[in-house]
PDB file of N, CA and C in Angstrom:
ATOM      1  N   UNK A   1      -8.260  19.258 -12.945  1.00  0.00           N
ATOM      2  CA  UNK A   1      -8.872  18.253 -13.746  1.00  0.00           C
ATOM      3  C   UNK A   1     -10.375  18.524 -13.761  1.00  0.00           C
ATOM      4  N   UNK A   2     -10.979  18.426 -14.900  1.00  0.00           N
ATOM      5  CA  UNK A   2     -12.421  18.598 -15.056  1.00  0.00           C
ATOM      6  C   UNK A   2     -13.018  17.286 -15.530  1.00  0.00           C
ATOM      7  N   UNK A   3     -14.101  16.887 -14.889  1.00  0.00           N
ATOM      8  CA  UNK A   3     -14.790  15.657 -15.240  1.00  0.00           C
ATOM      9  C   UNK A   3     -16.220  16.005 -15.619  1.00  0.00           C
ATOM     10  N   UNK A   4     -16.688  15.501 -16.743  1.00  0.00           N
ATOM     11  CA  UNK A   4     -18.065  15.709 -17.177  1.00  0.00           C
ATOM     12  C   UNK A   4     -18.766  14.367 -17.209  1.00  0.00           C
ATOM     13  N   UNK A   5     -19.879  14.288 -16.485  1.00  0.00           N
ATOM     14  CA  UNK A   5     -20.672  13.074 -16.479  1.00  0.00           C
ATOM     15  C   UNK A   5     -21.927  13.351 -17.284  1.00  0.00           C
ATOM     16  N   UNK A   6     -22.163  12.541 -18.323  1.00  0.00           N
ATOM     17  CA  UNK A   6     -23.322  12.708 -19.193  1.00  0.00           C
ATOM     18  C   UNK A   6     -24.256  11.520 -19.013  1.00  0.00           C
ATOM     19  N   UNK A   7     -25.531  11.819 -18.849  1.00  0.00           N
ATOM     20  CA  UNK A   7     -26.538  10.776 -18.649  1.00  0.00           C
ATOM     21  C   UNK A   7     -27.316  10.541 -19.931  1.00  0.00           C
ATOM     22  N   UNK A   8     -27.843   9.350 -20.075  1.00  0.00           N
ATOM     23  CA  UNK A   8     -28.640   9.014 -21.249  1.00  0.00           C
ATOM     24  C   UNK A   8     -29.977   9.746 -21.236  1.00  0.00           C
ATOM     25  N   UNK A   9     -30.528   9.954 -20.056  1.00  0.00           N
ATOM     26  CA  UNK A   9     -31.820  10.624 -19.945  1.00  0.00           C
ATOM     27  C   UNK A   9     -31.895  11.361 -18.614  1.00  0.00           C
ATOM     28  N   UNK A  10     -32.891  12.231 -18.507  1.00  0.00           N
ATOM     29  CA  UNK A  10     -33.093  12.962 -17.261  1.00  0.00           C
ATOM     30  C   UNK A  10     -33.439  12.007 -16.132  1.00  0.00           C
ATOM     31  N   UNK A  11     -34.152  10.953 -16.440  1.00  0.00           N
ATOM     32  CA  UNK A  11     -34.520   9.965 -15.418  1.00  0.00           C
ATOM     33  C   UNK A  11     -33.276   9.322 -14.808  1.00  0.00           C
ATOM     34  N   UNK A  12     -32.281   9.043 -15.636  1.00  0.00           N
ATOM     35  CA  UNK A  12     -31.036   8.477 -15.123  1.00  0.00           C
ATOM     36  C   UNK A  12     -30.314   9.464 -14.218  1.00  0.00           C
ATOM     37  N   UNK A  13     -30.418  10.747 -14.548  1.00  0.00           N
ATOM     38  CA  UNK A  13     -29.698  11.760 -13.787  1.00  0.00           C
ATOM     39  C   UNK A  13     -30.356  12.059 -12.443  1.00  0.00           C
ATOM     40  N   UNK A  14     -31.672  12.185 -12.422  1.00  0.00           N
ATOM     41  CA  UNK A  14     -32.328  12.621 -11.187  1.00  0.00           C
ATOM     42  C   UNK A  14     -33.448  11.703 -10.731  1.00  0.00           C
ATOM     43  N   UNK A  15     -33.747  10.684 -11.452  1.00  0.00           N
ATOM     44  CA  UNK A  15     -34.863   9.781 -11.153  1.00  0.00           C
ATOM     45  C   UNK A  15     -34.972   9.420  -9.688  1.00  0.00           C
ATOM     46  N   UNK A  16     -34.692   8.205  -9.338  1.00  0.00           N
ATOM     47  CA  UNK A  16     -34.781   7.767  -7.949  1.00  0.00           C
ATOM     48  C   UNK A  16     -33.435   7.882  -7.233  1.00  0.00           C
ATOM     49  N   UNK A  17     -32.469   8.472  -7.873  1.00  0.00           N
ATOM     50  CA  UNK A  17     -31.162   8.679  -7.263  1.00  0.00           C
ATOM     51  C   UNK A  17     -30.161   7.574  -7.536  1.00  0.00           C
ATOM     52  N   UNK A  18     -30.608   6.434  -8.044  1.00  0.00           N
ATOM     53  CA  UNK A  18     -29.672   5.337  -8.271  1.00  0.00           C
ATOM     54  C   UNK A  18     -28.810   5.576  -9.504  1.00  0.00           C
ATOM     55  N   UNK A  19     -29.333   6.292 -10.499  1.00  0.00           N
ATOM     56  CA  UNK A  19     -28.555   6.559 -11.713  1.00  0.00           C
ATOM     57  C   UNK A  19     -27.329   7.393 -11.415  1.00  0.00           C
ATOM     58  N   UNK A  20     -27.508   8.444 -10.623  1.00  0.00           N
ATOM     59  CA  UNK A  20     -26.388   9.309 -10.274  1.00  0.00           C
ATOM     60  C   UNK A  20     -25.357   8.558  -9.447  1.00  0.00           C
ATOM     61  N   UNK A  21     -25.824   7.839  -8.445  1.00  0.00           N
ATOM     62  CA  UNK A  21     -24.903   7.120  -7.565  1.00  0.00           C
ATOM     63  C   UNK A  21     -24.076   6.094  -8.311  1.00  0.00           C
ATOM     64  N   UNK A  22     -24.723   5.354  -9.209  1.00  0.00           N
ATOM     65  CA  UNK A  22     -24.008   4.331  -9.973  1.00  0.00           C
ATOM     66  C   UNK A  22     -22.992   4.971 -10.915  1.00  0.00           C
ATOM     67  N   UNK A  23     -23.391   6.053 -11.575  1.00  0.00           N
ATOM     68  CA  UNK A  23     -22.489   6.722 -12.506  1.00  0.00           C
ATOM     69  C   UNK A  23     -21.322   7.374 -11.778  1.00  0.00           C
ATOM     70  N   UNK A  24     -21.606   8.051 -10.682  1.00  0.00           N
ATOM     71  CA  UNK A  24     -20.541   8.698  -9.913  1.00  0.00           C
ATOM     72  C   UNK A  24     -19.589   7.654  -9.343  1.00  0.00           C
ATOM     73  N   UNK A  25     -20.125   6.539  -8.873  1.00  0.00           N
ATOM     74  CA  UNK A  25     -19.277   5.471  -8.341  1.00  0.00           C
ATOM     75  C   UNK A  25     -18.383   4.870  -9.401  1.00  0.00           C
ATOM     76  N   UNK A  26     -18.933   4.655 -10.596  1.00  0.00           N
ATOM     77  CA  UNK A  26     -18.130   4.106 -11.691  1.00  0.00           C
ATOM     78  C   UNK A  26     -17.038   5.085 -12.111  1.00  0.00           C
ATOM     79  N   UNK A  27     -17.375   6.372 -12.174  1.00  0.00           N
ATOM     80  CA  UNK A  27     -16.375   7.386 -12.537  1.00  0.00           C
ATOM     81  C   UNK A  27     -15.280   7.455 -11.484  1.00  0.00           C
ATOM     82  N   UNK A  28     -15.657   7.389 -10.218  1.00  0.00           N
ATOM     83  CA  UNK A  28     -14.668   7.440  -9.132  1.00  0.00           C
ATOM     84  C   UNK A  28     -13.751   6.222  -9.191  1.00  0.00           C
ATOM     85  N   UNK A  29     -14.302   5.055  -9.509  1.00  0.00           N
ATOM     86  CA  UNK A  29     -13.482   3.850  -9.630  1.00  0.00           C
ATOM     87  C   UNK A  29     -12.466   3.978 -10.752  1.00  0.00           C
ATOM     88  N   UNK A  30     -12.864   4.600 -11.873  1.00  0.00           N
ATOM     89  CA  UNK A  30     -11.933   4.775 -12.992  1.00  0.00           C
ATOM     90  C   UNK A  30     -10.879   5.839 -12.688  1.00  0.00           C
ATOM     91  N   UNK A  31     -11.272   6.923 -12.002  1.00  0.00           N
ATOM     92  CA  UNK A  31     -10.343   8.019 -11.745  1.00  0.00           C
ATOM     93  C   UNK A  31      -9.389   7.728 -10.591  1.00  0.00           C
ATOM     94  N   UNK A  32      -9.857   7.016  -9.593  1.00  0.00           N
ATOM     95  CA  UNK A  32      -9.059   6.746  -8.395  1.00  0.00           C
ATOM     96  C   UNK A  32      -8.888   5.252  -8.234  1.00  0.00           C
ATOM     97  N   UNK A  33      -7.921   4.711  -8.939  1.00  0.00           N
ATOM     98  CA  UNK A  33      -7.723   3.268  -8.905  1.00  0.00           C
ATOM     99  C   UNK A  33      -7.212   2.797  -7.547  1.00  0.00           C
ATOM    100  N   UNK A  34      -6.486   3.640  -6.840  1.00  0.00           N
ATOM    101  CA  UNK A  34      -5.996   3.298  -5.503  1.00  0.00           C
ATOM    102  C   UNK A  34      -6.852   4.053  -4.488  1.00  0.00           C
ATOM    103  N   UNK A  35      -7.989   3.493  -4.158  1.00  0.00           N
ATOM    104  CA  UNK A  35      -8.965   4.174  -3.295  1.00  0.00           C
ATOM    105  C   UNK A  35      -8.413   4.454  -1.900  1.00  0.00           C
ATOM    106  N   UNK A  36      -7.605   3.548  -1.353  1.00  0.00           N
ATOM    107  CA  UNK A  36      -7.032   3.755  -0.023  1.00  0.00           C
ATOM    108  C   UNK A  36      -6.118   4.977  -0.014  1.00  0.00           C
ATOM    109  N   UNK A  37      -5.305   5.131  -1.045  1.00  0.00           N
ATOM    110  CA  UNK A  37      -4.415   6.294  -1.137  1.00  0.00           C
ATOM    111  C   UNK A  37      -5.228   7.578  -1.306  1.00  0.00           C
ATOM    112  N   UNK A  38      -6.285   7.517  -2.105  1.00  0.00           N
ATOM    113  CA  UNK A  38      -7.138   8.683  -2.300  1.00  0.00           C
ATOM    114  C   UNK A  38      -7.794   9.100  -0.988  1.00  0.00           C
ATOM    115  N   UNK A  39      -8.346   8.143  -0.253  1.00  0.00           N
ATOM    116  CA  UNK A  39      -8.982   8.452   1.027  1.00  0.00           C
ATOM    117  C   UNK A  39      -7.986   9.018   2.029  1.00  0.00           C
ATOM    118  N   UNK A  40      -6.762   8.476   2.041  1.00  0.00           N
ATOM    119  CA  UNK A  40      -5.727   8.981   2.944  1.00  0.00           C
ATOM    120  C   UNK A  40      -5.355  10.418   2.591  1.00  0.00           C
ATOM    121  N   UNK A  41      -5.241  10.719   1.304  1.00  0.00           N
ATOM    122  CA  UNK A  41      -4.916  12.071   0.860  1.00  0.00           C
ATOM    123  C   UNK A  41      -6.036  13.046   1.219  1.00  0.00           C
ATOM    124  N   UNK A  42      -7.278  12.629   1.017  1.00  0.00           N
ATOM    125  CA  UNK A  42      -8.415  13.484   1.387  1.00  0.00           C
ATOM    126  C   UNK A  42      -8.420  13.752   2.893  1.00  0.00           C
ATOM    127  N   UNK A  43      -8.167  12.725   3.690  1.00  0.00           N
ATOM    128  CA  UNK A  43      -8.129  12.891   5.147  1.00  0.00           C
ATOM    129  C   UNK A  43      -7.014  13.864   5.543  1.00  0.00           C
ATOM    130  N   UNK A  44      -5.861  13.746   4.890  1.00  0.00           N
ATOM    131  CA  UNK A  44      -4.730  14.642   5.185  1.00  0.00           C
ATOM    132  C   UNK A  44      -5.071  16.083   4.833  1.00  0.00           C
ATOM    133  N   UNK A  45      -5.713  16.281   3.668  1.00  0.00           N
ATOM    134  CA  UNK A  45      -6.074  17.640   3.259  1.00  0.00           C
ATOM    135  C   UNK A  45      -7.073  18.268   4.219  1.00  0.00           C
ATOM    136  N   UNK A  46      -8.076  17.502   4.627  1.00  0.00           N
ATOM    137  CA  UNK A  46      -9.079  18.059   5.521  1.00  0.00           C
ATOM    138  C   UNK A  46      -8.539  18.248   6.925  1.00  0.00           C
ATOM    139  N   UNK A  47      -7.589  17.421   7.347  1.00  0.00           N
ATOM    140  CA  UNK A  47      -6.952  17.618   8.647  1.00  0.00           C
ATOM    141  C   UNK A  47      -6.186  18.934   8.654  1.00  0.00           C
ATOM    142  N   UNK A  48      -5.527  19.236   7.558  1.00  0.00           N
ATOM    143  CA  UNK A  48      -4.819  20.517   7.470  1.00  0.00           C
ATOM    144  C   UNK A  48      -5.792  21.684   7.467  1.00  0.00           C
ATOM    145  N   UNK A  49      -6.920  21.516   6.847  1.00  0.00           N
ATOM    146  CA  UNK A  49      -7.934  22.564   6.849  1.00  0.00           C
ATOM    147  C   UNK A  49      -8.415  22.825   8.271  1.00  0.00           C
ATOM    148  N   UNK A  50      -8.647  21.764   9.035  1.00  0.00           N
ATOM    149  CA  UNK A  50      -9.094  21.904  10.424  1.00  0.00           C
ATOM    150  C   UNK A  50      -8.040  22.571  11.290  1.00  0.00           C
ATOM    151  N   UNK A  51      -6.766  22.394  10.958  1.00  0.00           N
ATOM    152  CA  UNK A  51      -5.688  22.984  11.747  1.00  0.00           C
ATOM    153  C   UNK A  51      -5.632  24.501  11.612  1.00  0.00           C
ATOM    154  N   UNK A  52      -6.180  25.035  10.539  1.00  0.00           N
ATOM    155  CA  UNK A  52      -6.104  26.476  10.299  1.00  0.00           C
ATOM    156  C   UNK A  52      -7.393  27.133  10.747  1.00  0.00           C
ATOM    157  N   UNK A  53      -7.350  27.674  11.944  1.00  0.00           N
ATOM    158  CA  UNK A  53      -8.540  28.284  12.522  1.00  0.00           C
ATOM    159  C   UNK A  53      -8.941  29.547  11.787  1.00  0.00           C
ATOM    160  N   UNK A  54      -8.030  30.155  11.032  1.00  0.00           N
ATOM    161  CA  UNK A  54      -8.334  31.411  10.356  1.00  0.00           C
ATOM    162  C   UNK A  54      -9.059  31.212   9.026  1.00  0.00           C
ATOM    163  N   UNK A  55      -9.266  29.965   8.624  1.00  0.00           N
ATOM    164  CA  UNK A  55     -10.000  29.682   7.398  1.00  0.00           C
ATOM    165  C   UNK A  55     -11.489  29.654   7.737  1.00  0.00           C
ATOM    166  N   UNK A  56     -12.266  30.465   7.069  1.00  0.00           N
ATOM    167  CA  UNK A  56     -13.697  30.523   7.331  1.00  0.00           C
ATOM    168  C   UNK A  56     -14.379  29.352   6.621  1.00  0.00           C
ATOM    169  N   UNK A  57     -15.107  28.546   7.391  1.00  0.00           N
ATOM    170  CA  UNK A  57     -15.823  27.409   6.846  1.00  0.00           C
ATOM    171  C   UNK A  57     -17.293  27.587   7.195  1.00  0.00           C
ATOM    172  N   UNK A  58     -18.124  27.659   6.181  1.00  0.00           N
ATOM    173  CA  UNK A  58     -19.561  27.788   6.396  1.00  0.00           C
ATOM    174  C   UNK A  58     -20.215  26.440   6.179  1.00  0.00           C
ATOM    175  N   UNK A  59     -21.004  26.013   7.160  1.00  0.00           N
ATOM    176  CA  UNK A  59     -21.720  24.765   7.006  1.00  0.00           C
ATOM    177  C   UNK A  59     -22.966  25.006   6.185  1.00  0.00           C
ATOM    178  N   UNK A  60     -23.278  24.083   5.308  1.00  0.00           N
ATOM    179  CA  UNK A  60     -24.499  24.195   4.519  1.00  0.00           C
ATOM    180  C   UNK A  60     -25.449  23.095   4.923  1.00  0.00           C
ATOM    181  N   UNK A  61     -26.704  23.326   4.679  1.00  0.00           N
ATOM    182  CA  UNK A  61     -27.710  22.349   5.078  1.00  0.00           C
ATOM    183  C   UNK A  61     -27.919  21.319   4.007  1.00  0.00           C
TER     184      UNK A  61
END
């Protein structure tokens, strides 16, 4: 699935950070109506990732 978020202006996109957060939050609410199920699925996926020691994970700053 590909999601494109379009802002009205550059200020909304990068201004003080509230434009991005509000837009991303609204998009997440529309895409994931069952937030508890989504969080549980994400936790399950990342738990499986942690179980596989042979997967290289690079931390970024």
